[in-house]
Amino acid sequence: MMTVAAVAQLLIALASVRIPAVRHYYGAAAKAAAESELVRQGARPTILEENRMRFDAV
C-alpha cells in the first residue's frame, strides 16, 4: 500500500515539474497561434495581454 502511495506522489511531482517545461517549449508558438486566430475572427490581438493571459513559463 505504501508503494502505491509513493508511486502516486512521484507521478504528481513529475507532472508539476513538466508543466512549466511544456509551457516554455510551446508557449511562443501557442501565443502566436492564438493571436492569429483572434485576427482571423476579427478581434483585437491585444485582448490576450489586456486580460493578462500568458503562454510562457512563469
C-alpha atoms as a PDB file:
ATOM      1  CA  MET A   1       0.000   0.000   0.000  1.00  0.00           C
ATOM      2  CA  MET A   2       2.856   2.381   0.787  1.00  0.00           C
ATOM      3  CA  THR A   3       4.410   1.650  -2.613  1.00  0.00           C
ATOM      4  CA  VAL A   4       1.218   2.691  -4.404  1.00  0.00           C
ATOM      5  CA  ALA A   5       1.124   5.944  -2.450  1.00  0.00           C
ATOM      6  CA  ALA A   6       4.790   6.641  -3.196  1.00  0.00           C
ATOM      7  CA  VAL A   7       4.343   5.993  -6.910  1.00  0.00           C
ATOM      8  CA  ALA A   8       1.289   8.248  -6.988  1.00  0.00           C
ATOM      9  CA  GLN A   9       3.217  11.046  -5.277  1.00  0.00           C
ATOM     10  CA  LEU A  10       6.099  10.697  -7.719  1.00  0.00           C
ATOM     11  CA  LEU A  11       3.738  10.886 -10.691  1.00  0.00           C
ATOM     12  CA  ILE A  12       2.121  14.033  -9.317  1.00  0.00           C
ATOM     13  CA  ALA A  13       5.547  15.583  -8.696  1.00  0.00           C
ATOM     14  CA  LEU A  14       6.617  14.724 -12.244  1.00  0.00           C
ATOM     15  CA  ALA A  15       3.526  16.417 -13.665  1.00  0.00           C
ATOM     16  CA  SER A  16       4.197  19.513 -11.555  1.00  0.00           C
ATOM     17  CA  VAL A  17       7.720  19.781 -12.941  1.00  0.00           C
ATOM     18  CA  ARG A  18       6.717  19.020 -16.513  1.00  0.00           C
ATOM     19  CA  ILE A  19       4.019  21.691 -16.881  1.00  0.00           C
ATOM     20  CA  PRO A  20       6.417  24.696 -16.848  1.00  0.00           C
ATOM     21  CA  ALA A  21       8.783  22.882 -19.215  1.00  0.00           C
ATOM     22  CA  VAL A  22       5.993  22.319 -21.741  1.00  0.00           C
ATOM     23  CA  ARG A  23       4.860  25.935 -21.414  1.00  0.00           C
ATOM     24  CA  HIS A  24       8.413  27.113 -22.017  1.00  0.00           C
ATOM     25  CA  TYR A  25       8.809  24.920 -25.096  1.00  0.00           C
ATOM     26  CA  TYR A  26       5.417  25.587 -26.752  1.00  0.00           C
ATOM     27  CA  GLY A  27       4.459  28.970 -25.242  1.00  0.00           C
ATOM     28  CA  ALA A  28       5.617  31.312 -28.007  1.00  0.00           C
ATOM     29  CA  ALA A  29       4.050  29.217 -30.775  1.00  0.00           C
ATOM     30  CA  ALA A  30       0.785  28.895 -28.837  1.00  0.00           C
ATOM     31  CA  LYS A  31       0.606  32.652 -28.278  1.00  0.00           C
ATOM     32  CA  ALA A  32       1.278  33.376 -31.961  1.00  0.00           C
ATOM     33  CA  ALA A  33      -1.411  30.893 -32.984  1.00  0.00           C
ATOM     34  CA  ALA A  34      -3.903  32.404 -30.543  1.00  0.00           C
ATOM     35  CA  GLU A  35      -3.206  35.936 -31.777  1.00  0.00           C
ATOM     36  CA  SER A  36      -3.558  34.917 -35.423  1.00  0.00           C
ATOM     37  CA  GLU A  37      -6.853  33.202 -34.602  1.00  0.00           C
ATOM     38  CA  LEU A  38      -8.104  36.388 -32.944  1.00  0.00           C
ATOM     39  CA  VAL A  39      -7.180  38.391 -36.052  1.00  0.00           C
ATOM     40  CA  ARG A  40      -8.908  35.792 -38.247  1.00  0.00           C
ATOM     41  CA  GLN A  41     -12.066  36.192 -36.182  1.00  0.00           C
ATOM     42  CA  GLY A  42     -11.899  39.984 -36.390  1.00  0.00           C
ATOM     43  CA  ALA A  43     -10.925  40.593 -32.769  1.00  0.00           C
ATOM     44  CA  ARG A  44      -8.039  42.664 -31.470  1.00  0.00           C
ATOM     45  CA  PRO A  45      -4.933  40.542 -30.842  1.00  0.00           C
ATOM     46  CA  THR A  46      -4.180  42.694 -27.765  1.00  0.00           C
ATOM     47  CA  ILE A  47      -7.095  41.089 -25.914  1.00  0.00           C
ATOM     48  CA  LEU A  48      -4.745  38.416 -24.563  1.00  0.00           C
ATOM     49  CA  GLU A  49      -2.423  41.000 -22.983  1.00  0.00           C
ATOM     50  CA  GLU A  50      -5.327  43.096 -21.688  1.00  0.00           C
ATOM     51  CA  ASN A  51      -6.670  40.071 -19.823  1.00  0.00           C
ATOM     52  CA  ARG A  52      -3.195  39.009 -18.644  1.00  0.00           C
ATOM     53  CA  MET A  53      -3.271  35.684 -20.471  1.00  0.00           C
ATOM     54  CA  ARG A  54       0.229  34.225 -20.699  1.00  0.00           C
ATOM     55  CA  PHE A  55       1.521  31.280 -22.651  1.00  0.00           C
ATOM     56  CA  ASP A  56       5.080  31.189 -21.332  1.00  0.00           C
ATOM     57  CA  ALA A  57       6.504  29.615 -18.218  1.00  0.00           C
ATOM     58  CA  VAL A  58       6.462  31.864 -15.181  1.00  0.00           C
END
